[in-house]
PDB file of N, CA and C in Angstrom:
ATOM      1  N   MET A   1      19.976   2.888  43.306  1.00  0.00           N
ATOM      2  CA  MET A   1      18.628   3.052  42.813  1.00  0.00           C
ATOM      3  C   MET A   1      18.657   2.964  41.286  1.00  0.00           C
ATOM      4  N   SER A   2      17.819   2.120  40.717  1.00  0.00           N
ATOM      5  CA  SER A   2      17.772   2.006  39.257  1.00  0.00           C
ATOM      6  C   SER A   2      16.511   2.679  38.721  1.00  0.00           C
ATOM      7  N   VAL A   3      16.623   3.154  37.516  1.00  0.00           N
ATOM      8  CA  VAL A   3      15.498   3.823  36.866  1.00  0.00           C
ATOM      9  C   VAL A   3      14.890   2.855  35.866  1.00  0.00           C
ATOM     10  N   LYS A   4      13.586   2.698  35.943  1.00  0.00           N
ATOM     11  CA  LYS A   4      12.889   1.800  35.027  1.00  0.00           C
ATOM     12  C   LYS A   4      12.225   2.637  33.936  1.00  0.00           C
ATOM     13  N   THR A   5      12.491   2.285  32.695  1.00  0.00           N
ATOM     14  CA  THR A   5      11.861   2.971  31.573  1.00  0.00           C
ATOM     15  C   THR A   5      10.549   2.278  31.253  1.00  0.00           C
ATOM     16  N   GLN A   6       9.520   3.074  31.072  1.00  0.00           N
ATOM     17  CA  GLN A   6       8.213   2.509  30.758  1.00  0.00           C
ATOM     18  C   GLN A   6       7.588   3.312  29.632  1.00  0.00           C
ATOM     19  N   TRP A   7       7.101   2.624  28.602  1.00  0.00           N
ATOM     20  CA  TRP A   7       6.450   3.271  27.471  1.00  0.00           C
ATOM     21  C   TRP A   7       4.952   3.127  27.629  1.00  0.00           C
ATOM     22  N   ILE A   8       4.251   4.206  27.363  1.00  0.00           N
ATOM     23  CA  ILE A   8       2.789   4.188  27.431  1.00  0.00           C
ATOM     24  C   ILE A   8       2.258   4.553  26.058  1.00  0.00           C
ATOM     25  N   GLN A   9       1.404   3.694  25.523  1.00  0.00           N
ATOM     26  CA  GLN A   9       0.803   3.979  24.220  1.00  0.00           C
ATOM     27  C   GLN A   9      -0.568   4.588  24.452  1.00  0.00           C
ATOM     28  N   ARG A  10      -0.763   5.782  23.859  1.00  0.00           N
ATOM     29  CA  ARG A  10      -2.055   6.435  23.978  1.00  0.00           C
ATOM     30  C   ARG A  10      -3.120   5.627  23.260  1.00  0.00           C
ATOM     31  N   LYS A  11      -4.305   5.636  23.814  1.00  0.00           N
ATOM     32  CA  LYS A  11      -5.427   4.998  23.144  1.00  0.00           C
ATOM     33  C   LYS A  11      -5.814   5.866  21.952  1.00  0.00           C
ATOM     34  N   SER A  12      -6.112   5.221  20.853  1.00  0.00           N
ATOM     35  CA  SER A  12      -6.463   5.940  19.637  1.00  0.00           C
ATOM     36  C   SER A  12      -7.704   6.782  19.844  1.00  0.00           C
ATOM     37  N   LYS A  13      -7.677   7.997  19.286  1.00  0.00           N
ATOM     38  CA  LYS A  13      -8.853   8.863  19.310  1.00  0.00           C
ATOM     39  C   LYS A  13      -9.947   8.271  18.438  1.00  0.00           C
ATOM     40  N   HIS A  14      -9.563   7.336  17.598  1.00  0.00           N
ATOM     41  CA  HIS A  14     -10.502   6.747  16.652  1.00  0.00           C
ATOM     42  C   HIS A  14     -10.722   5.277  16.985  1.00  0.00           C
ATOM     43  N   SER A  15     -10.994   5.002  18.252  1.00  0.00           N
ATOM     44  CA  SER A  15     -11.173   3.622  18.680  1.00  0.00           C
ATOM     45  C   SER A  15     -12.487   3.038  18.173  1.00  0.00           C
ATOM     46  N   HIS A  16     -13.268   3.859  17.421  1.00  0.00           N
ATOM     47  CA  HIS A  16     -14.496   3.338  16.835  1.00  0.00           C
ATOM     48  C   HIS A  16     -14.200   2.362  15.700  1.00  0.00           C
ATOM     49  N   LEU A  17     -12.954   2.344  15.212  1.00  0.00           N
ATOM     50  CA  LEU A  17     -12.591   1.367  14.193  1.00  0.00           C
ATOM     51  C   LEU A  17     -12.499  -0.003  14.851  1.00  0.00           C
ATOM     52  N   SER A  18     -13.061  -1.001  14.192  1.00  0.00           N
ATOM     53  CA  SER A  18     -12.996  -2.354  14.742  1.00  0.00           C
ATOM     54  C   SER A  18     -11.570  -2.881  14.610  1.00  0.00           C
ATOM     55  N   VAL A  19     -11.293  -3.972  15.313  1.00  0.00           N
ATOM     56  CA  VAL A  19      -9.967  -4.581  15.252  1.00  0.00           C
ATOM     57  C   VAL A  19      -9.648  -4.974  13.814  1.00  0.00           C
ATOM     58  N   SER A  20     -10.624  -5.535  13.100  1.00  0.00           N
ATOM     59  CA  SER A  20     -10.371  -5.951  11.714  1.00  0.00           C
ATOM     60  C   SER A  20     -10.150  -4.739  10.809  1.00  0.00           C
ATOM     61  N   GLU A  21     -10.877  -3.633  11.068  1.00  0.00           N
ATOM     62  CA  GLU A  21     -10.654  -2.407  10.290  1.00  0.00           C
ATOM     63  C   GLU A  21      -9.255  -1.859  10.559  1.00  0.00           C
ATOM     64  N   ASN A  22      -8.846  -1.881  11.833  1.00  0.00           N
ATOM     65  CA  ASN A  22      -7.493  -1.440  12.177  1.00  0.00           C
ATOM     66  C   ASN A  22      -6.456  -2.327  11.501  1.00  0.00           C
ATOM     67  N   GLU A  23      -6.645  -3.641  11.565  1.00  0.00           N
ATOM     68  CA  GLU A  23      -5.698  -4.571  10.949  1.00  0.00           C
ATOM     69  C   GLU A  23      -5.627  -4.353   9.446  1.00  0.00           C
ATOM     70  N   SER A  24      -6.778  -4.120   8.836  1.00  0.00           N
ATOM     71  CA  SER A  24      -6.825  -3.875   7.395  1.00  0.00           C
ATOM     72  C   SER A  24      -6.062  -2.595   7.050  1.00  0.00           C
ATOM     73  N   LEU A  25      -6.287  -1.542   7.827  1.00  0.00           N
ATOM     74  CA  LEU A  25      -5.601  -0.269   7.601  1.00  0.00           C
ATOM     75  C   LEU A  25      -4.099  -0.416   7.842  1.00  0.00           C
ATOM     76  N   ILE A  26      -3.730  -1.120   8.897  1.00  0.00           N
ATOM     77  CA  ILE A  26      -2.313  -1.362   9.194  1.00  0.00           C
ATOM     78  C   ILE A  26      -1.646  -2.084   8.028  1.00  0.00           C
ATOM     79  N   ASN A  27      -2.282  -3.149   7.547  1.00  0.00           N
ATOM     80  CA  ASN A  27      -1.708  -3.918   6.439  1.00  0.00           C
ATOM     81  C   ASN A  27      -1.589  -3.073   5.172  1.00  0.00           C
ATOM     82  N   GLN A  28      -2.582  -2.232   4.923  1.00  0.00           N
ATOM     83  CA  GLN A  28      -2.535  -1.368   3.743  1.00  0.00           C
ATOM     84  C   GLN A  28      -1.425  -0.325   3.878  1.00  0.00           C
ATOM     85  N   MET A  29      -1.254   0.237   5.087  1.00  0.00           N
ATOM     86  CA  MET A  29      -0.175   1.208   5.329  1.00  0.00           C
ATOM     87  C   MET A  29       1.191   0.560   5.119  1.00  0.00           C
ATOM     88  N   ILE A  30       1.344  -0.654   5.633  1.00  0.00           N
ATOM     89  CA  ILE A  30       2.607  -1.382   5.479  1.00  0.00           C
ATOM     90  C   ILE A  30       2.916  -1.564   3.996  1.00  0.00           C
ATOM     91  N   LYS A  31       1.901  -1.964   3.240  1.00  0.00           N
ATOM     92  CA  LYS A  31       2.077  -2.219   1.804  1.00  0.00           C
ATOM     93  C   LYS A  31       2.327  -0.925   1.028  1.00  0.00           C
ATOM     94  N   ASP A  32       1.470   0.076   1.222  1.00  0.00           N
ATOM     95  CA  ASP A  32       1.539   1.306   0.420  1.00  0.00           C
ATOM     96  C   ASP A  32       2.733   2.194   0.754  1.00  0.00           C
ATOM     97  N   PHE A  33       3.097   2.242   2.035  1.00  0.00           N
ATOM     98  CA  PHE A  33       4.137   3.182   2.461  1.00  0.00           C
ATOM     99  C   PHE A  33       5.411   2.503   2.946  1.00  0.00           C
ATOM    100  N   LYS A  34       5.436   1.162   2.871  1.00  0.00           N
ATOM    101  CA  LYS A  34       6.609   0.384   3.296  1.00  0.00           C
ATOM    102  C   LYS A  34       6.988   0.710   4.747  1.00  0.00           C
ATOM    103  N   LEU A  35       5.973   0.689   5.605  1.00  0.00           N
ATOM    104  CA  LEU A  35       6.165   0.975   7.025  1.00  0.00           C
ATOM    105  C   LEU A  35       6.307  -0.321   7.801  1.00  0.00           C
ATOM    106  N   THR A  36       6.862  -0.215   9.000  1.00  0.00           N
ATOM    107  CA  THR A  36       6.814  -1.350   9.915  1.00  0.00           C
ATOM    108  C   THR A  36       5.422  -1.387  10.533  1.00  0.00           C
ATOM    109  N   LYS A  37       5.066  -2.535  11.069  1.00  0.00           N
ATOM    110  CA  LYS A  37       3.753  -2.657  11.713  1.00  0.00           C
ATOM    111  C   LYS A  37       3.642  -1.661  12.864  1.00  0.00           C
ATOM    112  N   ARG A  38       4.698  -1.521  13.632  1.00  0.00           N
ATOM    113  CA  ARG A  38       4.672  -0.611  14.788  1.00  0.00           C
ATOM    114  C   ARG A  38       4.462   0.835  14.343  1.00  0.00           C
ATOM    115  N   THR A  39       5.119   1.241  13.263  1.00  0.00           N
ATOM    116  CA  THR A  39       4.947   2.608  12.764  1.00  0.00           C
ATOM    117  C   THR A  39       3.504   2.836  12.334  1.00  0.00           C
ATOM    118  N   ALA A  40       2.920   1.863  11.645  1.00  0.00           N
ATOM    119  CA  ALA A  40       1.517   1.975  11.228  1.00  0.00           C
ATOM    120  C   ALA A  40       0.604   2.074  12.445  1.00  0.00           C
ATOM    121  N   GLU A  41       0.874   1.286  13.478  1.00  0.00           N
ATOM    122  CA  GLU A  41       0.067   1.345  14.705  1.00  0.00           C
ATOM    123  C   GLU A  41       0.173   2.719  15.362  1.00  0.00           C
ATOM    124  N   ILE A  42       1.365   3.278  15.375  1.00  0.00           N
ATOM    125  CA  ILE A  42       1.558   4.609  15.967  1.00  0.00           C
ATOM    126  C   ILE A  42       0.777   5.655  15.181  1.00  0.00           C
ATOM    127  N   LEU A  43       0.835   5.586  13.853  1.00  0.00           N
ATOM    128  CA  LEU A  43       0.084   6.543  13.031  1.00  0.00           C
ATOM    129  C   LEU A  43      -1.412   6.450  13.316  1.00  0.00           C
ATOM    130  N   ILE A  44      -1.922   5.246  13.460  1.00  0.00           N
ATOM    131  CA  ILE A  44      -3.343   5.084  13.778  1.00  0.00           C
ATOM    132  C   ILE A  44      -3.638   5.644  15.163  1.00  0.00           C
ATOM    133  N   SER A  45      -2.740   5.403  16.117  1.00  0.00           N
ATOM    134  CA  SER A  45      -2.969   5.933  17.469  1.00  0.00           C
ATOM    135  C   SER A  45      -2.903   7.452  17.493  1.00  0.00           C
ATOM    136  N   ARG A  46      -2.243   8.044  16.492  1.00  0.00           N
ATOM    137  CA  ARG A  46      -2.160   9.500  16.375  1.00  0.00           C
ATOM    138  C   ARG A  46      -3.301  10.077  15.549  1.00  0.00           C
ATOM    139  N   GLY A  47      -4.233   9.231  15.122  1.00  0.00           N
ATOM    140  CA  GLY A  47      -5.423   9.756  14.469  1.00  0.00           C
ATOM    141  C   GLY A  47      -5.589   9.461  12.997  1.00  0.00           C
ATOM    142  N   MET A  48      -4.659   8.748  12.381  1.00  0.00           N
ATOM    143  CA  MET A  48      -4.821   8.417  10.965  1.00  0.00           C
ATOM    144  C   MET A  48      -5.943   7.388  10.820  1.00  0.00           C
ATOM    145  N   THR A  49      -6.907   7.676   9.954  1.00  0.00           N
ATOM    146  CA  THR A  49      -8.045   6.764   9.787  1.00  0.00           C
ATOM    147  C   THR A  49      -8.223   6.290   8.353  1.00  0.00           C
ATOM    148  N   SER A  50      -7.348   6.735   7.452  1.00  0.00           N
ATOM    149  CA  SER A  50      -7.469   6.308   6.056  1.00  0.00           C
ATOM    150  C   SER A  50      -6.106   6.367   5.379  1.00  0.00           C
ATOM    151  N   ILE A  51      -6.017   5.688   4.251  1.00  0.00           N
ATOM    152  CA  ILE A  51      -4.781   5.710   3.473  1.00  0.00           C
ATOM    153  C   ILE A  51      -4.521   7.117   2.944  1.00  0.00           C
ATOM    154  N   GLU A  52      -5.563   7.794   2.472  1.00  0.00           N
ATOM    155  CA  GLU A  52      -5.392   9.149   1.928  1.00  0.00           C
ATOM    156  C   GLU A  52      -4.898  10.115   3.007  1.00  0.00           C
ATOM    157  N   GLU A  53      -5.464  10.024   4.199  1.00  0.00           N
ATOM    158  CA  GLU A  53      -5.025  10.879   5.309  1.00  0.00           C
ATOM    159  C   GLU A  53      -3.558  10.584   5.657  1.00  0.00           C
ATOM    160  N   THR A  54      -3.196   9.324   5.639  1.00  0.00           N
ATOM    161  CA  THR A  54      -1.819   8.925   5.918  1.00  0.00           C
ATOM    162  C   THR A  54      -0.878   9.445   4.835  1.00  0.00           C
ATOM    163  N   ARG A  55      -1.298   9.361   3.576  1.00  0.00           N
ATOM    164  CA  ARG A  55      -0.487   9.874   2.468  1.00  0.00           C
ATOM    165  C   ARG A  55      -0.210  11.359   2.645  1.00  0.00           C
ATOM    166  N   ARG A  56      -1.274  12.116   2.981  1.00  0.00           N
ATOM    167  CA  ARG A  56      -1.094  13.563   3.161  1.00  0.00           C
ATOM    168  C   ARG A  56      -0.164  13.861   4.338  1.00  0.00           C
ATOM    169  N   TYR A  57      -0.200  13.026   5.369  1.00  0.00           N
ATOM    170  CA  TYR A  57       0.656  13.221   6.536  1.00  0.00           C
ATOM    171  C   TYR A  57       2.116  12.878   6.213  1.00  0.00           C
ATOM    172  N   LEU A  58       2.337  11.760   5.535  1.00  0.00           N
ATOM    173  CA  LEU A  58       3.696  11.307   5.249  1.00  0.00           C
ATOM    174  C   LEU A  58       4.329  12.019   4.059  1.00  0.00           C
ATOM    175  N   ASN A  59       3.520  12.452   3.105  1.00  0.00           N
ATOM    176  CA  ASN A  59       4.008  13.110   1.893  1.00  0.00           C
ATOM    177  C   ASN A  59       3.232  14.396   1.663  1.00  0.00           C
ATOM    178  N   PRO A  60       3.399  15.376   2.536  1.00  0.00           N
ATOM    179  CA  PRO A  60       2.598  16.598   2.419  1.00  0.00           C
ATOM    180  C   PRO A  60       2.957  17.402   1.171  1.00  0.00           C
ATOM    181  N   SER A  61       1.994  18.158   0.703  1.00  0.00           N
ATOM    182  CA  SER A  61       2.244  19.066  -0.414  1.00  0.00           C
ATOM    183  C   SER A  61       1.751  20.452  -0.009  1.00  0.00           C
ATOM    184  N   LEU A  62       2.158  21.444  -0.750  1.00  0.00           N
ATOM    185  CA  LEU A  62       1.712  22.807  -0.452  1.00  0.00           C
ATOM    186  C   LEU A  62       0.195  22.912  -0.527  1.00  0.00           C
ATOM    187  N   ALA A  63      -0.423  22.122  -1.393  1.00  0.00           N
ATOM    188  CA  ALA A  63      -1.884  22.154  -1.525  1.00  0.00           C
ATOM    189  C   ALA A  63      -2.581  21.677  -0.252  1.00  0.00           C
ATOM    190  N   ASP A  64      -1.872  20.897   0.578  1.00  0.00           N
ATOM    191  CA  ASP A  64      -2.456  20.378   1.818  1.00  0.00           C
ATOM    192  C   ASP A  64      -2.377  21.365   2.980  1.00  0.00           C
ATOM    193  N   LEU A  65      -1.626  22.445   2.810  1.00  0.00           N
ATOM    194  CA  LEU A  65      -1.473  23.416   3.896  1.00  0.00           C
ATOM    195  C   LEU A  65      -2.748  24.225   4.102  1.00  0.00           C
ATOM    196  N   HIS A  66      -2.968  24.616   5.340  1.00  0.00           N
ATOM    197  CA  HIS A  66      -4.100  25.489   5.649  1.00  0.00           C
ATOM    198  C   HIS A  66      -3.802  26.903   5.155  1.00  0.00           C
ATOM    199  N   ASP A  67      -4.831  27.646   4.893  1.00  0.00           N
ATOM    200  CA  ASP A  67      -4.691  29.039   4.475  1.00  0.00           C
ATOM    201  C   ASP A  67      -4.074  29.835   5.624  1.00  0.00           C
ATOM    202  N   PRO A  68      -2.880  30.421   5.452  1.00  0.00           N
ATOM    203  CA  PRO A  68      -2.243  31.152   6.546  1.00  0.00           C
ATOM    204  C   PRO A  68      -3.045  32.375   6.990  1.00  0.00           C
ATOM    205  N   PHE A  69      -3.927  32.863   6.144  1.00  0.00           N
ATOM    206  CA  PHE A  69      -4.721  34.031   6.518  1.00  0.00           C
ATOM    207  C   PHE A  69      -5.848  33.675   7.483  1.00  0.00           C
ATOM    208  N   LEU A  70      -5.943  32.401   7.864  1.00  0.00           N
ATOM    209  CA  LEU A  70      -6.870  32.010   8.924  1.00  0.00           C
ATOM    210  C   LEU A  70      -6.312  32.398  10.296  1.00  0.00           C
ATOM    211  N   PHE A  71      -4.991  32.638  10.369  1.00  0.00           N
ATOM    212  CA  PHE A  71      -4.402  33.107  11.622  1.00  0.00           C
ATOM    213  C   PHE A  71      -4.917  34.504  11.944  1.00  0.00           C
ATOM    214  N   ASN A  72      -5.116  34.738  13.232  1.00  0.00           N
ATOM    215  CA  ASN A  72      -5.580  36.035  13.703  1.00  0.00           C
ATOM    216  C   ASN A  72      -4.579  37.124  13.305  1.00  0.00           C
ATOM    217  N   GLU A  73      -5.058  38.187  12.695  1.00  0.00           N
ATOM    218  CA  GLU A  73      -4.269  39.369  12.324  1.00  0.00           C
ATOM    219  C   GLU A  73      -3.149  39.086  11.316  1.00  0.00           C
ATOM    220  N   MET A  74      -3.300  38.040  10.501  1.00  0.00           N
ATOM    221  CA  MET A  74      -2.260  37.728   9.515  1.00  0.00           C
ATOM    222  C   MET A  74      -2.075  38.871   8.514  1.00  0.00           C
ATOM    223  N   GLU A  75      -3.153  39.501   8.107  1.00  0.00           N
ATOM    224  CA  GLU A  75      -3.040  40.604   7.152  1.00  0.00           C
ATOM    225  C   GLU A  75      -2.196  41.737   7.746  1.00  0.00           C
ATOM    226  N   LYS A  76      -2.382  41.997   9.034  1.00  0.00           N
ATOM    227  CA  LYS A  76      -1.600  43.028   9.723  1.00  0.00           C
ATOM    228  C   LYS A  76      -0.110  42.653   9.715  1.00  0.00           C
ATOM    229  N   VAL A  77       0.184  41.393   9.942  1.00  0.00           N
ATOM    230  CA  VAL A  77       1.570  40.913   9.948  1.00  0.00           C
ATOM    231  C   VAL A  77       2.199  41.077   8.563  1.00  0.00           C
ATOM    232  N   VAL A  78       1.466  40.661   7.534  1.00  0.00           N
ATOM    233  CA  VAL A  78       1.978  40.764   6.162  1.00  0.00           C
ATOM    234  C   VAL A  78       2.247  42.219   5.800  1.00  0.00           C
ATOM    235  N   ASN A  79       1.331  43.100   6.165  1.00  0.00           N
ATOM    236  CA  ASN A  79       1.518  44.527   5.874  1.00  0.00           C
ATOM    237  C   ASN A  79       2.747  45.082   6.584  1.00  0.00           C
ATOM    238  N   ARG A  80       2.971  44.643   7.821  1.00  0.00           N
ATOM    239  CA  ARG A  80       4.134  45.135   8.579  1.00  0.00           C
ATOM    240  C   ARG A  80       5.433  44.647   7.956  1.00  0.00           C
ATOM    241  N   ILE A  81       5.451  43.390   7.522  1.00  0.00           N
ATOM    242  CA  ILE A  81       6.654  42.857   6.867  1.00  0.00           C
ATOM    243  C   ILE A  81       6.910  43.594   5.557  1.00  0.00           C
ATOM    244  N   ALA A  82       5.857  43.843   4.794  1.00  0.00           N
ATOM    245  CA  ALA A  82       6.003  44.580   3.528  1.00  0.00           C
ATOM    246  C   ALA A  82       6.539  45.986   3.780  1.00  0.00           C
ATOM    247  N   LYS A  83       6.043  46.624   4.847  1.00  0.00           N
ATOM    248  CA  LYS A  83       6.512  47.967   5.198  1.00  0.00           C
ATOM    249  C   LYS A  83       7.993  47.927   5.582  1.00  0.00           C
ATOM    250  N   ALA A  84       8.379  46.923   6.366  1.00  0.00           N
ATOM    251  CA  ALA A  84       9.782  46.787   6.773  1.00  0.00           C
ATOM    252  C   ALA A  84      10.673  46.547   5.563  1.00  0.00           C
ATOM    253  N   LYS A  85      10.209  45.733   4.642  1.00  0.00           N
ATOM    254  CA  LYS A  85      10.993  45.466   3.428  1.00  0.00           C
ATOM    255  C   LYS A  85      11.155  46.738   2.602  1.00  0.00           C
ATOM    256  N   ALA A  86      10.080  47.479   2.445  1.00  0.00           N
ATOM    257  CA  ALA A  86      10.129  48.725   1.660  1.00  0.00           C
ATOM    258  C   ALA A  86      11.070  49.746   2.292  1.00  0.00           C
ATOM    259  N   ALA A  87      11.155  49.743   3.630  1.00  0.00           N
ATOM    260  CA  ALA A  87      12.022  50.688   4.341  1.00  0.00           C
ATOM    261  C   ALA A  87      13.426  50.124   4.556  1.00  0.00           C
ATOM    262  N   ASN A  88      13.694  48.946   3.970  1.00  0.00           N
ATOM    263  CA  ASN A  88      14.990  48.290   4.098  1.00  0.00           C
ATOM    264  C   ASN A  88      15.353  48.009   5.561  1.00  0.00           C
ATOM    265  N   GLU A  89      14.335  47.712   6.377  1.00  0.00           N
ATOM    266  CA  GLU A  89      14.561  47.367   7.783  1.00  0.00           C
ATOM    267  C   GLU A  89      14.983  45.905   7.875  1.00  0.00           C
ATOM    268  N   LYS A  90      15.680  45.574   8.946  1.00  0.00           N
ATOM    269  CA  LYS A  90      16.041  44.182   9.194  1.00  0.00           C
ATOM    270  C   LYS A  90      14.834  43.476   9.808  1.00  0.00           C
ATOM    271  N   ILE A  91      14.683  42.215   9.455  1.00  0.00           N
ATOM    272  CA  ILE A  91      13.602  41.389   9.992  1.00  0.00           C
ATOM    273  C   ILE A  91      14.242  40.165  10.631  1.00  0.00           C
ATOM    274  N   CYS A  92      13.805  39.830  11.817  1.00  0.00           N
ATOM    275  CA  CYS A  92      14.340  38.668  12.523  1.00  0.00           C
ATOM    276  C   CYS A  92      13.219  37.654  12.747  1.00  0.00           C
ATOM    277  N   LEU A  93      13.456  36.421  12.340  1.00  0.00           N
ATOM    278  CA  LEU A  93      12.547  35.321  12.645  1.00  0.00           C
ATOM    279  C   LEU A  93      13.268  34.418  13.629  1.00  0.00           C
ATOM    280  N   TYR A  94      12.574  33.950  14.618  1.00  0.00           N
ATOM    281  CA  TYR A  94      13.209  33.052  15.574  1.00  0.00           C
ATOM    282  C   TYR A  94      12.364  31.804  15.709  1.00  0.00           C
ATOM    283  N   GLY A  95      13.030  30.713  16.050  1.00  0.00           N
ATOM    284  CA  GLY A  95      12.344  29.432  16.188  1.00  0.00           C
ATOM    285  C   GLY A  95      11.919  29.176  17.615  1.00  0.00           C
ATOM    286  N   ASP A  96      10.801  28.521  17.741  1.00  0.00           N
ATOM    287  CA  ASP A  96      10.293  28.072  19.030  1.00  0.00           C
ATOM    288  C   ASP A  96      10.709  26.606  19.154  1.00  0.00           C
ATOM    289  N   TYR A  97      11.592  26.314  20.055  1.00  0.00           N
ATOM    290  CA  TYR A  97      12.232  25.004  20.095  1.00  0.00           C
ATOM    291  C   TYR A  97      11.470  23.940  20.879  1.00  0.00           C
ATOM    292  N   ASP A  98      10.166  24.079  21.021  1.00  0.00           N
ATOM    293  CA  ASP A  98       9.435  23.041  21.749  1.00  0.00           C
ATOM    294  C   ASP A  98       8.942  21.924  20.826  1.00  0.00           C
ATOM    295  N   ALA A  99       9.469  21.877  19.608  1.00  0.00           N
ATOM    296  CA  ALA A  99       9.265  20.780  18.659  1.00  0.00           C
ATOM    297  C   ALA A  99       7.856  20.658  18.107  1.00  0.00           C
ATOM    298  N   ASP A 100       7.079  21.729  18.151  1.00  0.00           N
ATOM    299  CA  ASP A 100       5.745  21.647  17.553  1.00  0.00           C
ATOM    300  C   ASP A 100       5.746  22.129  16.111  1.00  0.00           C
ATOM    301  N   GLY A 101       6.909  22.490  15.614  1.00  0.00           N
ATOM    302  CA  GLY A 101       7.028  22.909  14.225  1.00  0.00           C
ATOM    303  C   GLY A 101       6.670  24.353  13.966  1.00  0.00           C
ATOM    304  N   THR A 102       6.401  25.112  15.019  1.00  0.00           N
ATOM    305  CA  THR A 102       6.004  26.503  14.860  1.00  0.00           C
ATOM    306  C   THR A 102       7.224  27.405  14.866  1.00  0.00           C
ATOM    307  N   ILE A 103       7.265  28.319  13.935  1.00  0.00           N
ATOM    308  CA  ILE A 103       8.327  29.324  13.898  1.00  0.00           C
ATOM    309  C   ILE A 103       7.714  30.647  14.310  1.00  0.00           C
ATOM    310  N   GLY A 104       8.373  31.349  15.218  1.00  0.00           N
ATOM    311  CA  GLY A 104       7.832  32.612  15.704  1.00  0.00           C
ATOM    312  C   GLY A 104       8.475  33.799  15.070  1.00  0.00           C
TER     313      GLY A 104
END
């Protein structure tokens, strides 16, 4: 029995862009970021709709991060960490390995 590998490309969430708009954006991404055509297509299929949005995705800065205090009970967490630090308690951070970039 042989296993056949099959790749499925998700349809872009932004399919409202015309083919020429997509081609224009792809060409601009290739030029500005030195990407392959396929990489640019993948970025568009993942929701990139402008050069500026792509720049922020590929070259993020601290200014682009969301305010961490938007998380539920973040102030409570910060206070608890400060209390642990003041009491010289050990603090353990662990990673969530499902590749979503979240640290627990």
